[in-house]
Structure formats: C-alpha cells, structure tokens
Amino acid sequence: MLKLSGPETVIVLVIAAATAVLGYALSESDRRKFGRTPWGLPSLIWALFWFLSWIVGLILFLFAHRAEVRRREQGPTPTIDAYGRVAPTPPSPMTRSAGSDFPAYPRPADGGDRRSPPADAAPPPPPAPASGPPTTPPSWQADPGGRFHHRWWSGTEWTSYVATDGNVTVDTDPDQRIGPYGPT
C-alpha cells in the first residue's frame, strides 16, 4: 500500500476533485449536445468514475461518448404502435445511404439526390388525389417487396424511404422499385 504524507494526500485529493469536475462537465456537455449523458448515466456517476480513477473514467467516457455519437448518426428509432406498425417520422439528416458513401452507386429510385434528405423534409407530399375511392393516409407500412421491414406510403404510392431494424434510409436500388399499388 502506498503511504502518503499529509501534503501529498491533499494534492491527490485536489487532483481527484478536479478530474471529477471535468468528468461531470463532459457528461453535461454530452447531455446538451445529444439530449442525454453517455450511456444514460447521471453526470454525478461520471464524476465519481473520474474521482476514483481519472484514467478509468476517461476510457469509459470515450467509449460511451463514441456510442452516443454513433446512436445519433443512425438517426431516430421508429416507434412501434400497439398494432405493430411503425409510427411516421421523417428521416433524420444524419441518415446515410449507400449512395452517400459510394458516389458511383445508382441514384435513388425516385430520381432524387443520393444524400439523405434534410431533417425538415418529410417524404414527398402526395399528388392531389383523383376523385374516386378514398386513399390510405401517408404512413409507414410493411414493405410489399419484402427487402426492408417498412416502407413509407405517401398516400398514393410507395416512396424510396425505408426502415430496417429502426434505421431509416433511402432505397437506392431503382431496379427493385415498388409499384403504385396500395399498402397491404
């Protein structure tokens, strides 16, 4: 066991307290930036990690912070209602498609940009419905092609917005485009 004199103990406690304040501040910074602290742990717990051992606190914080960054890049997880349907949410600006990672990849089936749509851009509005039978309102439905879990139904046709395991992306394979028939 390491024996410390009185002044050495004070110095160690001051350094531990300073690192605890740093851990707390970094955790609160993530709360402001991402809406929650890393791993959802309270900021006081992060301060305790840093107080007990700044190197362990730093390593845990870096892993947890990276996990929060990845979670944010993946975008929101669609919510499932009581009937097993995905509640409509517009795609996230952080959503990435194969076309954004590989510029030579084919353009989306709807002829749009290869990049993901901005946050305030919901799936394209449906064209004015023709007089006739009422249409199904826009919503996430089971993908009729079966390649994804859900596909956005615009009210008149299937769009290239798809969701699999809670990740909303853009279907960029025009050869597999779903036709204008209604949801199942």
N, C-alpha and C. Protein backbone atom coordinates (compact mmCIF):
# COMPACT_ATOMS: atom_id res chain seq x y z
N MET A 1 0.85 -1.18 0.00
CA MET A 1 0.00 0.00 0.00
C MET A 1 0.89 1.23 0.00
N LEU A 2 0.47 2.22 -0.71
CA LEU A 2 1.22 3.45 -0.85
C LEU A 2 0.93 4.37 0.34
N LYS A 3 1.96 4.80 1.03
CA LYS A 3 1.81 5.69 2.18
C LYS A 3 2.07 7.12 1.70
N LEU A 4 1.10 7.99 1.91
CA LEU A 4 1.24 9.39 1.51
C LEU A 4 1.29 10.27 2.75
N SER A 5 2.11 11.30 2.67
CA SER A 5 2.16 12.26 3.77
C SER A 5 0.95 13.18 3.67
N GLY A 6 0.74 14.01 4.66
CA GLY A 6 -0.40 14.93 4.67
C GLY A 6 -0.49 15.80 3.44
N PRO A 7 0.60 16.52 3.05
CA PRO A 7 0.52 17.37 1.85
C PRO A 7 0.31 16.56 0.57
N GLU A 8 0.90 15.38 0.50
CA GLU A 8 0.72 14.54 -0.69
C GLU A 8 -0.73 14.08 -0.81
N THR A 9 -1.36 13.74 0.30
CA THR A 9 -2.77 13.33 0.30
C THR A 9 -3.66 14.47 -0.18
N VAL A 10 -3.36 15.67 0.27
CA VAL A 10 -4.14 16.84 -0.15
C VAL A 10 -4.01 17.04 -1.66
N ILE A 11 -2.80 16.91 -2.17
CA ILE A 11 -2.57 17.09 -3.61
C ILE A 11 -3.34 16.03 -4.40
N VAL A 12 -3.30 14.78 -3.96
CA VAL A 12 -4.01 13.71 -4.65
C VAL A 12 -5.52 13.98 -4.63
N LEU A 13 -6.06 14.41 -3.50
CA LEU A 13 -7.49 14.70 -3.41
C LEU A 13 -7.89 15.90 -4.28
N VAL A 14 -7.05 16.90 -4.35
CA VAL A 14 -7.33 18.06 -5.21
C VAL A 14 -7.35 17.64 -6.68
N ILE A 15 -6.40 16.83 -7.08
CA ILE A 15 -6.36 16.34 -8.47
C ILE A 15 -7.58 15.48 -8.75
N ALA A 16 -7.96 14.59 -7.81
CA ALA A 16 -9.14 13.74 -7.99
C ALA A 16 -10.40 14.59 -8.10
N ALA A 17 -10.51 15.63 -7.27
CA ALA A 17 -11.68 16.51 -7.33
C ALA A 17 -11.72 17.26 -8.66
N ALA A 18 -10.57 17.71 -9.14
CA ALA A 18 -10.52 18.42 -10.43
C ALA A 18 -10.94 17.50 -11.58
N THR A 19 -10.49 16.25 -11.56
CA THR A 19 -10.89 15.33 -12.62
C THR A 19 -12.37 14.98 -12.51
N ALA A 20 -12.90 14.93 -11.28
CA ALA A 20 -14.33 14.67 -11.11
C ALA A 20 -15.15 15.81 -11.72
N VAL A 21 -14.70 17.04 -11.50
CA VAL A 21 -15.39 18.20 -12.10
C VAL A 21 -15.31 18.11 -13.63
N LEU A 22 -14.17 17.71 -14.16
CA LEU A 22 -14.03 17.54 -15.61
C LEU A 22 -14.98 16.46 -16.13
N GLY A 23 -15.06 15.32 -15.44
CA GLY A 23 -15.98 14.26 -15.85
C GLY A 23 -17.42 14.72 -15.84
N TYR A 24 -17.80 15.46 -14.80
CA TYR A 24 -19.16 16.00 -14.71
C TYR A 24 -19.43 16.97 -15.87
N ALA A 25 -18.47 17.85 -16.14
CA ALA A 25 -18.65 18.84 -17.21
C ALA A 25 -18.77 18.18 -18.58
N LEU A 26 -17.95 17.16 -18.84
CA LEU A 26 -18.04 16.46 -20.13
C LEU A 26 -19.37 15.74 -20.27
N SER A 27 -19.85 15.14 -19.20
CA SER A 27 -21.14 14.45 -19.23
C SER A 27 -22.27 15.43 -19.51
N GLU A 28 -22.24 16.58 -18.84
CA GLU A 28 -23.27 17.59 -19.07
C GLU A 28 -23.18 18.17 -20.49
N SER A 29 -21.98 18.26 -21.02
CA SER A 29 -21.80 18.72 -22.39
C SER A 29 -22.49 17.76 -23.37
N ASP A 30 -22.31 16.45 -23.13
CA ASP A 30 -23.00 15.48 -23.97
C ASP A 30 -24.52 15.57 -23.80
N ARG A 31 -24.98 15.84 -22.57
CA ARG A 31 -26.43 15.97 -22.34
C ARG A 31 -26.99 17.12 -23.18
N ARG A 32 -26.27 18.23 -23.24
CA ARG A 32 -26.74 19.37 -24.05
C ARG A 32 -26.66 19.06 -25.54
N LYS A 33 -25.62 18.35 -25.94
CA LYS A 33 -25.41 18.09 -27.36
C LYS A 33 -26.30 16.98 -27.89
N PHE A 34 -26.44 15.88 -27.13
CA PHE A 34 -27.17 14.69 -27.61
C PHE A 34 -28.51 14.46 -26.93
N GLY A 35 -28.83 15.26 -25.92
CA GLY A 35 -30.09 15.07 -25.24
C GLY A 35 -30.02 14.08 -24.09
N ARG A 36 -28.89 13.45 -23.88
CA ARG A 36 -28.69 12.54 -22.75
C ARG A 36 -27.21 12.36 -22.51
N THR A 37 -26.86 11.90 -21.33
CA THR A 37 -25.46 11.68 -20.99
C THR A 37 -24.99 10.38 -21.61
N PRO A 38 -23.69 10.15 -21.73
CA PRO A 38 -23.22 8.88 -22.28
C PRO A 38 -23.78 7.69 -21.49
N TRP A 39 -24.29 6.73 -22.21
CA TRP A 39 -24.92 5.53 -21.67
C TRP A 39 -26.11 5.85 -20.79
N GLY A 40 -26.55 7.09 -20.76
CA GLY A 40 -27.68 7.48 -19.94
C GLY A 40 -27.39 7.53 -18.45
N LEU A 41 -26.12 7.44 -18.08
CA LEU A 41 -25.75 7.50 -16.66
C LEU A 41 -25.82 8.94 -16.17
N PRO A 42 -26.23 9.15 -14.92
CA PRO A 42 -26.24 10.52 -14.38
C PRO A 42 -24.85 11.12 -14.37
N SER A 43 -24.77 12.43 -14.50
CA SER A 43 -23.48 13.12 -14.53
C SER A 43 -22.70 12.92 -13.24
N LEU A 44 -23.40 12.77 -12.10
CA LEU A 44 -22.69 12.52 -10.84
C LEU A 44 -21.98 11.17 -10.84
N ILE A 45 -22.53 10.19 -11.52
CA ILE A 45 -21.85 8.88 -11.64
C ILE A 45 -20.57 9.05 -12.46
N TRP A 46 -20.64 9.84 -13.54
CA TRP A 46 -19.43 10.09 -14.33
C TRP A 46 -18.40 10.83 -13.48
N ALA A 47 -18.83 11.76 -12.65
CA ALA A 47 -17.91 12.45 -11.77
C ALA A 47 -17.26 11.47 -10.79
N LEU A 48 -18.03 10.51 -10.29
CA LEU A 48 -17.49 9.50 -9.37
C LEU A 48 -16.43 8.64 -10.07
N PHE A 49 -16.72 8.20 -11.31
CA PHE A 49 -15.72 7.43 -12.07
C PHE A 49 -14.41 8.22 -12.17
N TRP A 50 -14.53 9.48 -12.55
CA TRP A 50 -13.34 10.31 -12.73
C TRP A 50 -12.63 10.57 -11.40
N PHE A 51 -13.38 10.69 -10.30
CA PHE A 51 -12.78 10.93 -8.98
C PHE A 51 -11.98 9.70 -8.54
N LEU A 52 -12.57 8.52 -8.72
CA LEU A 52 -11.89 7.30 -8.27
C LEU A 52 -10.65 6.99 -9.10
N SER A 53 -10.73 7.18 -10.39
CA SER A 53 -9.57 6.94 -11.25
C SER A 53 -9.79 7.71 -12.54
N TRP A 54 -8.99 8.75 -12.76
CA TRP A 54 -9.20 9.58 -13.95
C TRP A 54 -8.95 8.79 -15.22
N ILE A 55 -8.02 7.84 -15.22
CA ILE A 55 -7.74 7.08 -16.44
C ILE A 55 -8.91 6.14 -16.77
N VAL A 56 -9.48 5.47 -15.75
CA VAL A 56 -10.64 4.61 -15.99
C VAL A 56 -11.83 5.47 -16.41
N GLY A 57 -12.03 6.60 -15.73
CA GLY A 57 -13.12 7.50 -16.11
C GLY A 57 -12.98 7.99 -17.54
N LEU A 58 -11.77 8.34 -17.93
CA LEU A 58 -11.54 8.82 -19.30
C LEU A 58 -11.83 7.72 -20.32
N ILE A 59 -11.34 6.52 -20.07
CA ILE A 59 -11.55 5.41 -21.02
C ILE A 59 -13.04 5.09 -21.13
N LEU A 60 -13.73 4.97 -20.00
CA LEU A 60 -15.17 4.69 -20.04
C LEU A 60 -15.93 5.81 -20.74
N PHE A 61 -15.56 7.04 -20.46
CA PHE A 61 -16.24 8.17 -21.09
C PHE A 61 -16.04 8.16 -22.60
N LEU A 62 -14.82 7.89 -23.06
CA LEU A 62 -14.57 7.89 -24.50
C LEU A 62 -15.38 6.80 -25.21
N PHE A 63 -15.45 5.61 -24.61
CA PHE A 63 -16.28 4.55 -25.20
C PHE A 63 -17.75 4.95 -25.22
N ALA A 64 -18.24 5.47 -24.11
CA ALA A 64 -19.65 5.85 -24.02
C ALA A 64 -19.97 7.02 -24.96
N HIS A 65 -19.08 7.99 -25.04
CA HIS A 65 -19.29 9.14 -25.91
C HIS A 65 -19.37 8.69 -27.37
N ARG A 66 -18.48 7.81 -27.77
CA ARG A 66 -18.50 7.30 -29.16
C ARG A 66 -19.80 6.55 -29.44
N ALA A 67 -20.29 5.80 -28.46
CA ALA A 67 -21.56 5.10 -28.64
C ALA A 67 -22.70 6.09 -28.85
N GLU A 68 -22.69 7.21 -28.12
CA GLU A 68 -23.73 8.23 -28.30
C GLU A 68 -23.62 8.89 -29.67
N VAL A 69 -22.40 9.13 -30.13
CA VAL A 69 -22.21 9.72 -31.46
C VAL A 69 -22.76 8.78 -32.52
N ARG A 70 -22.46 7.49 -32.40
CA ARG A 70 -22.98 6.51 -33.38
C ARG A 70 -24.50 6.43 -33.32
N ARG A 71 -25.06 6.45 -32.11
CA ARG A 71 -26.51 6.39 -31.97
C ARG A 71 -27.16 7.59 -32.65
N ARG A 72 -26.53 8.73 -32.51
CA ARG A 72 -27.08 9.94 -33.13
C ARG A 72 -26.95 9.88 -34.65
N GLU A 73 -25.84 9.34 -35.16
CA GLU A 73 -25.65 9.23 -36.61
C GLU A 73 -26.66 8.30 -37.23
N GLN A 74 -27.10 7.28 -36.49
CA GLN A 74 -28.07 6.33 -37.03
C GLN A 74 -29.46 6.92 -37.12
N GLY A 75 -29.70 8.02 -36.44
CA GLY A 75 -30.99 8.66 -36.51
C GLY A 75 -31.97 8.06 -35.53
N PRO A 76 -33.20 8.57 -35.52
CA PRO A 76 -34.18 8.10 -34.55
C PRO A 76 -34.66 6.70 -34.86
N THR A 77 -34.99 5.98 -33.82
CA THR A 77 -35.55 4.66 -33.97
C THR A 77 -37.06 4.82 -34.13
N PRO A 78 -37.63 4.26 -35.20
CA PRO A 78 -39.08 4.39 -35.37
C PRO A 78 -39.82 3.77 -34.19
N THR A 79 -40.90 4.39 -33.77
CA THR A 79 -41.69 3.85 -32.68
C THR A 79 -42.75 2.93 -33.23
N ILE A 80 -43.00 1.84 -32.53
CA ILE A 80 -43.97 0.84 -32.96
C ILE A 80 -45.23 1.03 -32.12
N ASP A 81 -46.40 1.08 -32.79
CA ASP A 81 -47.64 1.25 -32.05
C ASP A 81 -48.16 -0.11 -31.57
N ALA A 82 -49.32 -0.12 -30.94
CA ALA A 82 -49.88 -1.34 -30.36
C ALA A 82 -50.20 -2.40 -31.41
N TYR A 83 -50.35 -1.99 -32.66
CA TYR A 83 -50.68 -2.93 -33.73
C TYR A 83 -49.45 -3.41 -34.50
N GLY A 84 -48.27 -3.04 -34.04
CA GLY A 84 -47.05 -3.47 -34.70
C GLY A 84 -46.66 -2.61 -35.89
N ARG A 85 -47.32 -1.47 -36.08
CA ARG A 85 -46.99 -0.59 -37.19
C ARG A 85 -45.99 0.46 -36.73
N VAL A 86 -45.17 0.93 -37.65
CA VAL A 86 -44.20 1.97 -37.34
C VAL A 86 -44.88 3.32 -37.45
N ALA A 87 -44.74 4.14 -36.39
CA ALA A 87 -45.32 5.47 -36.40
C ALA A 87 -44.55 6.34 -37.38
N PRO A 88 -45.21 7.22 -38.14
CA PRO A 88 -44.50 8.03 -39.14
C PRO A 88 -43.56 9.04 -38.49
N THR A 89 -42.32 9.01 -38.93
CA THR A 89 -41.33 10.01 -38.53
C THR A 89 -40.52 10.34 -39.77
N PRO A 90 -40.22 11.61 -40.00
CA PRO A 90 -39.42 11.94 -41.17
C PRO A 90 -37.99 11.42 -40.99
N PRO A 91 -37.31 11.09 -42.07
CA PRO A 91 -35.94 10.63 -41.97
C PRO A 91 -35.03 11.68 -41.34
N SER A 92 -34.02 11.22 -40.63
CA SER A 92 -33.08 12.09 -39.94
C SER A 92 -32.06 12.67 -40.91
N PRO A 93 -31.51 13.87 -40.64
CA PRO A 93 -30.48 14.41 -41.51
C PRO A 93 -29.19 13.61 -41.40
N MET A 94 -29.05 12.84 -40.32
CA MET A 94 -27.83 12.07 -40.13
C MET A 94 -27.92 10.71 -40.83
N THR A 95 -29.10 10.36 -41.39
CA THR A 95 -29.27 9.08 -42.05
C THR A 95 -28.37 9.01 -43.27
N ARG A 96 -27.69 7.91 -43.42
CA ARG A 96 -26.80 7.76 -44.56
C ARG A 96 -27.32 6.66 -45.47
N SER A 97 -27.10 6.84 -46.75
CA SER A 97 -27.47 5.81 -47.71
C SER A 97 -26.20 5.30 -48.38
N ALA A 98 -26.35 4.21 -49.11
CA ALA A 98 -25.20 3.68 -49.80
C ALA A 98 -24.66 4.69 -50.81
N GLY A 99 -25.56 5.47 -51.40
CA GLY A 99 -25.14 6.48 -52.37
C GLY A 99 -24.29 7.58 -51.76
N SER A 100 -24.51 7.89 -50.46
CA SER A 100 -23.70 8.92 -49.84
C SER A 100 -22.29 8.41 -49.52
N ASP A 101 -22.15 7.11 -49.30
CA ASP A 101 -20.84 6.53 -49.03
C ASP A 101 -20.10 6.15 -50.33
N PHE A 102 -20.85 5.79 -51.35
CA PHE A 102 -20.26 5.35 -52.61
C PHE A 102 -20.87 6.16 -53.75
N PRO A 103 -20.20 7.23 -54.19
CA PRO A 103 -20.79 8.12 -55.20
C PRO A 103 -21.17 7.44 -56.51
N ALA A 104 -20.53 6.32 -56.86
CA ALA A 104 -20.85 5.65 -58.11
C ALA A 104 -22.08 4.77 -58.00
N TYR A 105 -22.63 4.62 -56.79
CA TYR A 105 -23.81 3.79 -56.57
C TYR A 105 -25.00 4.41 -57.28
N PRO A 106 -25.94 3.61 -57.78
CA PRO A 106 -27.08 4.18 -58.52
C PRO A 106 -27.88 5.17 -57.70
N ARG A 107 -28.50 6.12 -58.39
CA ARG A 107 -29.33 7.12 -57.73
C ARG A 107 -30.59 6.46 -57.18
N PRO A 108 -31.25 7.10 -56.19
CA PRO A 108 -32.48 6.54 -55.64
C PRO A 108 -33.55 6.35 -56.71
N ALA A 109 -34.45 5.43 -56.45
CA ALA A 109 -35.48 5.09 -57.42
C ALA A 109 -36.36 6.28 -57.78
N ASP A 110 -36.50 7.24 -56.85
CA ASP A 110 -37.35 8.39 -57.16
C ASP A 110 -36.59 9.48 -57.90
N GLY A 111 -35.31 9.21 -58.27
CA GLY A 111 -34.53 10.17 -59.04
C GLY A 111 -33.98 11.29 -58.20
N GLY A 112 -34.13 11.21 -56.89
CA GLY A 112 -33.68 12.27 -56.00
C GLY A 112 -32.18 12.25 -55.80
N ASP A 113 -31.73 13.11 -54.92
CA ASP A 113 -30.32 13.24 -54.59
C ASP A 113 -29.85 11.97 -53.88
N ARG A 114 -28.56 11.65 -54.01
CA ARG A 114 -28.02 10.46 -53.35
C ARG A 114 -27.87 10.68 -51.86
N ARG A 115 -27.83 11.91 -51.41
CA ARG A 115 -27.68 12.18 -49.99
C ARG A 115 -29.04 12.03 -49.31
N SER A 116 -28.99 11.90 -48.00
CA SER A 116 -30.22 11.80 -47.22
C SER A 116 -30.93 13.15 -47.22
N PRO A 117 -32.25 13.14 -47.07
CA PRO A 117 -33.00 14.39 -47.05
C PRO A 117 -32.73 15.17 -45.78
N PRO A 118 -32.93 16.49 -45.79
CA PRO A 118 -32.74 17.27 -44.56
C PRO A 118 -33.80 16.90 -43.52
N ALA A 119 -33.54 17.31 -42.27
CA ALA A 119 -34.40 16.93 -41.15
C ALA A 119 -35.83 17.41 -41.34
N ASP A 120 -36.00 18.60 -41.90
CA ASP A 120 -37.35 19.14 -42.02
C ASP A 120 -38.06 18.64 -43.26
N ALA A 121 -37.43 17.77 -44.04
CA ALA A 121 -38.06 17.25 -45.25
C ALA A 121 -38.71 15.91 -44.95
N ALA A 122 -40.02 15.89 -44.92
CA ALA A 122 -40.76 14.64 -44.76
C ALA A 122 -40.81 13.98 -46.14
N PRO A 123 -41.26 12.76 -46.21
CA PRO A 123 -41.41 12.15 -47.53
C PRO A 123 -42.24 13.07 -48.42
N PRO A 124 -42.01 13.02 -49.72
CA PRO A 124 -42.67 13.96 -50.62
C PRO A 124 -44.19 13.93 -50.45
N PRO A 125 -44.82 15.10 -50.55
CA PRO A 125 -46.28 15.12 -50.39
C PRO A 125 -46.95 14.39 -51.54
N PRO A 126 -48.07 13.75 -51.26
CA PRO A 126 -48.76 13.02 -52.33
C PRO A 126 -49.39 13.99 -53.32
N PRO A 127 -49.46 13.58 -54.58
CA PRO A 127 -50.16 14.43 -55.54
C PRO A 127 -51.65 14.49 -55.17
N ALA A 128 -52.31 15.51 -55.65
CA ALA A 128 -53.74 15.66 -55.35
C ALA A 128 -54.48 14.41 -55.80
N PRO A 129 -55.24 13.78 -54.89
CA PRO A 129 -55.93 12.55 -55.26
C PRO A 129 -57.04 12.81 -56.27
N ALA A 130 -57.15 11.89 -57.17
CA ALA A 130 -58.21 11.97 -58.17
C ALA A 130 -59.52 11.60 -57.49
N SER A 131 -60.63 12.06 -58.07
CA SER A 131 -61.91 11.68 -57.48
C SER A 131 -62.08 10.18 -57.63
N GLY A 132 -62.57 9.56 -56.61
CA GLY A 132 -62.73 8.12 -56.61
C GLY A 132 -62.68 7.61 -55.18
N PRO A 133 -62.30 6.36 -55.00
CA PRO A 133 -62.29 5.81 -53.65
C PRO A 133 -61.24 6.51 -52.79
N PRO A 134 -61.49 6.61 -51.48
CA PRO A 134 -60.52 7.27 -50.60
C PRO A 134 -59.21 6.48 -50.55
N THR A 135 -58.13 7.21 -50.33
CA THR A 135 -56.82 6.56 -50.28
C THR A 135 -56.41 6.35 -48.82
N THR A 136 -55.44 5.46 -48.61
CA THR A 136 -54.89 5.24 -47.28
C THR A 136 -53.99 6.43 -46.95
N PRO A 137 -54.07 6.98 -45.75
CA PRO A 137 -53.25 8.14 -45.42
C PRO A 137 -51.76 7.79 -45.39
N PRO A 138 -50.89 8.79 -45.56
CA PRO A 138 -49.45 8.52 -45.52
C PRO A 138 -49.04 7.89 -44.19
N SER A 139 -48.23 6.84 -44.26
CA SER A 139 -47.78 6.15 -43.04
C SER A 139 -46.70 5.13 -43.41
N TRP A 140 -46.01 4.66 -42.36
CA TRP A 140 -45.06 3.56 -42.54
C TRP A 140 -45.86 2.27 -42.61
N GLN A 141 -45.59 1.46 -43.62
CA GLN A 141 -46.27 0.18 -43.80
C GLN A 141 -45.22 -0.90 -44.01
N ALA A 142 -45.64 -2.15 -43.87
CA ALA A 142 -44.74 -3.27 -44.17
C ALA A 142 -44.33 -3.17 -45.64
N ASP A 143 -43.04 -3.38 -45.91
CA ASP A 143 -42.53 -3.25 -47.28
C ASP A 143 -43.12 -4.36 -48.14
N PRO A 144 -43.92 -4.02 -49.18
CA PRO A 144 -44.53 -5.05 -50.00
C PRO A 144 -43.50 -5.86 -50.79
N GLY A 145 -42.33 -5.28 -51.05
CA GLY A 145 -41.30 -6.02 -51.76
C GLY A 145 -40.56 -6.99 -50.87
N GLY A 146 -40.67 -6.80 -49.55
CA GLY A 146 -40.03 -7.71 -48.61
C GLY A 146 -38.55 -7.49 -48.39
N ARG A 147 -37.94 -6.50 -49.03
CA ARG A 147 -36.50 -6.27 -48.87
C ARG A 147 -36.19 -5.49 -47.61
N PHE A 148 -37.14 -4.73 -47.08
CA PHE A 148 -36.97 -3.94 -45.87
C PHE A 148 -38.13 -4.25 -44.94
N HIS A 149 -38.02 -3.83 -43.68
CA HIS A 149 -39.12 -4.07 -42.75
C HIS A 149 -40.31 -3.17 -43.06
N HIS A 150 -40.04 -1.88 -43.31
CA HIS A 150 -41.12 -0.92 -43.56
C HIS A 150 -40.74 0.00 -44.71
N ARG A 151 -41.78 0.51 -45.39
CA ARG A 151 -41.59 1.47 -46.47
C ARG A 151 -42.63 2.57 -46.29
N TRP A 152 -42.28 3.82 -46.63
CA TRP A 152 -43.19 4.95 -46.47
C TRP A 152 -44.21 4.95 -47.59
N TRP A 153 -45.49 4.90 -47.22
CA TRP A 153 -46.60 5.01 -48.16
C TRP A 153 -47.03 6.47 -48.17
N SER A 154 -46.97 7.16 -49.32
CA SER A 154 -47.24 8.60 -49.40
C SER A 154 -48.72 8.92 -49.44
N GLY A 155 -49.55 7.91 -49.53
CA GLY A 155 -50.98 8.13 -49.66
C GLY A 155 -51.45 7.74 -51.05
N THR A 156 -50.51 7.76 -52.01
CA THR A 156 -50.85 7.37 -53.38
C THR A 156 -49.85 6.38 -53.97
N GLU A 157 -48.61 6.36 -53.43
CA GLU A 157 -47.61 5.44 -53.96
C GLU A 157 -46.54 5.17 -52.91
N TRP A 158 -45.78 4.11 -53.12
CA TRP A 158 -44.66 3.78 -52.25
C TRP A 158 -43.49 4.69 -52.60
N THR A 159 -42.78 5.17 -51.59
CA THR A 159 -41.61 6.02 -51.82
C THR A 159 -40.35 5.21 -51.62
N SER A 160 -39.19 5.83 -51.76
CA SER A 160 -37.93 5.13 -51.55
C SER A 160 -37.44 5.25 -50.12
N TYR A 161 -38.25 5.83 -49.19
CA TYR A 161 -37.90 5.87 -47.77
C TYR A 161 -38.23 4.53 -47.15
N VAL A 162 -37.22 3.89 -46.53
CA VAL A 162 -37.40 2.57 -45.94
C VAL A 162 -36.82 2.53 -44.53
N ALA A 163 -37.27 1.56 -43.74
CA ALA A 163 -36.75 1.38 -42.38
C ALA A 163 -36.52 -0.10 -42.13
N THR A 164 -35.34 -0.42 -41.59
CA THR A 164 -35.00 -1.78 -41.20
C THR A 164 -34.34 -1.72 -39.84
N ASP A 165 -34.84 -2.50 -38.90
CA ASP A 165 -34.32 -2.53 -37.53
C ASP A 165 -34.22 -1.13 -36.95
N GLY A 166 -35.18 -0.27 -37.25
CA GLY A 166 -35.22 1.07 -36.69
C GLY A 166 -34.36 2.09 -37.39
N ASN A 167 -33.62 1.69 -38.42
CA ASN A 167 -32.77 2.64 -39.16
C ASN A 167 -33.51 3.08 -40.41
N VAL A 168 -33.76 4.38 -40.51
CA VAL A 168 -34.46 4.94 -41.66
C VAL A 168 -33.43 5.33 -42.71
N THR A 169 -33.57 4.83 -43.93
CA THR A 169 -32.66 5.14 -45.03
C THR A 169 -33.46 5.37 -46.31
N VAL A 170 -32.74 5.56 -47.40
CA VAL A 170 -33.36 5.73 -48.71
C VAL A 170 -32.99 4.52 -49.56
N ASP A 171 -33.99 3.87 -50.16
CA ASP A 171 -33.76 2.73 -51.04
C ASP A 171 -33.15 3.26 -52.33
N THR A 172 -31.92 2.86 -52.63
CA THR A 172 -31.21 3.40 -53.79
C THR A 172 -31.14 2.42 -54.96
N ASP A 173 -31.88 1.31 -54.90
CA ASP A 173 -31.82 0.33 -55.99
C ASP A 173 -33.04 0.51 -56.89
N PRO A 174 -32.90 1.24 -58.00
CA PRO A 174 -34.07 1.52 -58.84
C PRO A 174 -34.64 0.28 -59.51
N ASP A 175 -33.86 -0.80 -59.61
CA ASP A 175 -34.36 -2.00 -60.26
C ASP A 175 -35.40 -2.72 -59.41
N GLN A 176 -35.47 -2.39 -58.12
CA GLN A 176 -36.39 -3.06 -57.22
C GLN A 176 -37.55 -2.15 -56.80
N ARG A 177 -37.84 -1.10 -57.55
CA ARG A 177 -38.85 -0.12 -57.19
C ARG A 177 -40.21 -0.77 -57.02
N ILE A 178 -40.91 -0.38 -55.97
CA ILE A 178 -42.24 -0.89 -55.71
C ILE A 178 -43.23 -0.07 -56.52
N GLY A 179 -44.25 -0.71 -57.06
CA GLY A 179 -45.23 -0.05 -57.91
C GLY A 179 -46.20 0.83 -57.14
N PRO A 180 -47.17 1.46 -57.83
CA PRO A 180 -48.07 2.41 -57.20
C PRO A 180 -49.25 1.77 -56.49
N TYR A 181 -49.29 0.44 -56.30
CA TYR A 181 -50.43 -0.18 -55.64
C TYR A 181 -50.41 0.16 -54.16
N GLY A 182 -51.54 0.00 -53.50
CA GLY A 182 -51.74 0.44 -52.13
C GLY A 182 -51.08 -0.44 -51.08
N PRO A 183 -51.13 0.01 -49.82
CA PRO A 183 -50.50 -0.74 -48.73
C PRO A 183 -51.26 -2.02 -48.46
N THR A 184 -50.55 -2.94 -47.82
CA THR A 184 -51.16 -4.24 -47.53
C THR A 184 -51.83 -4.26 -46.19
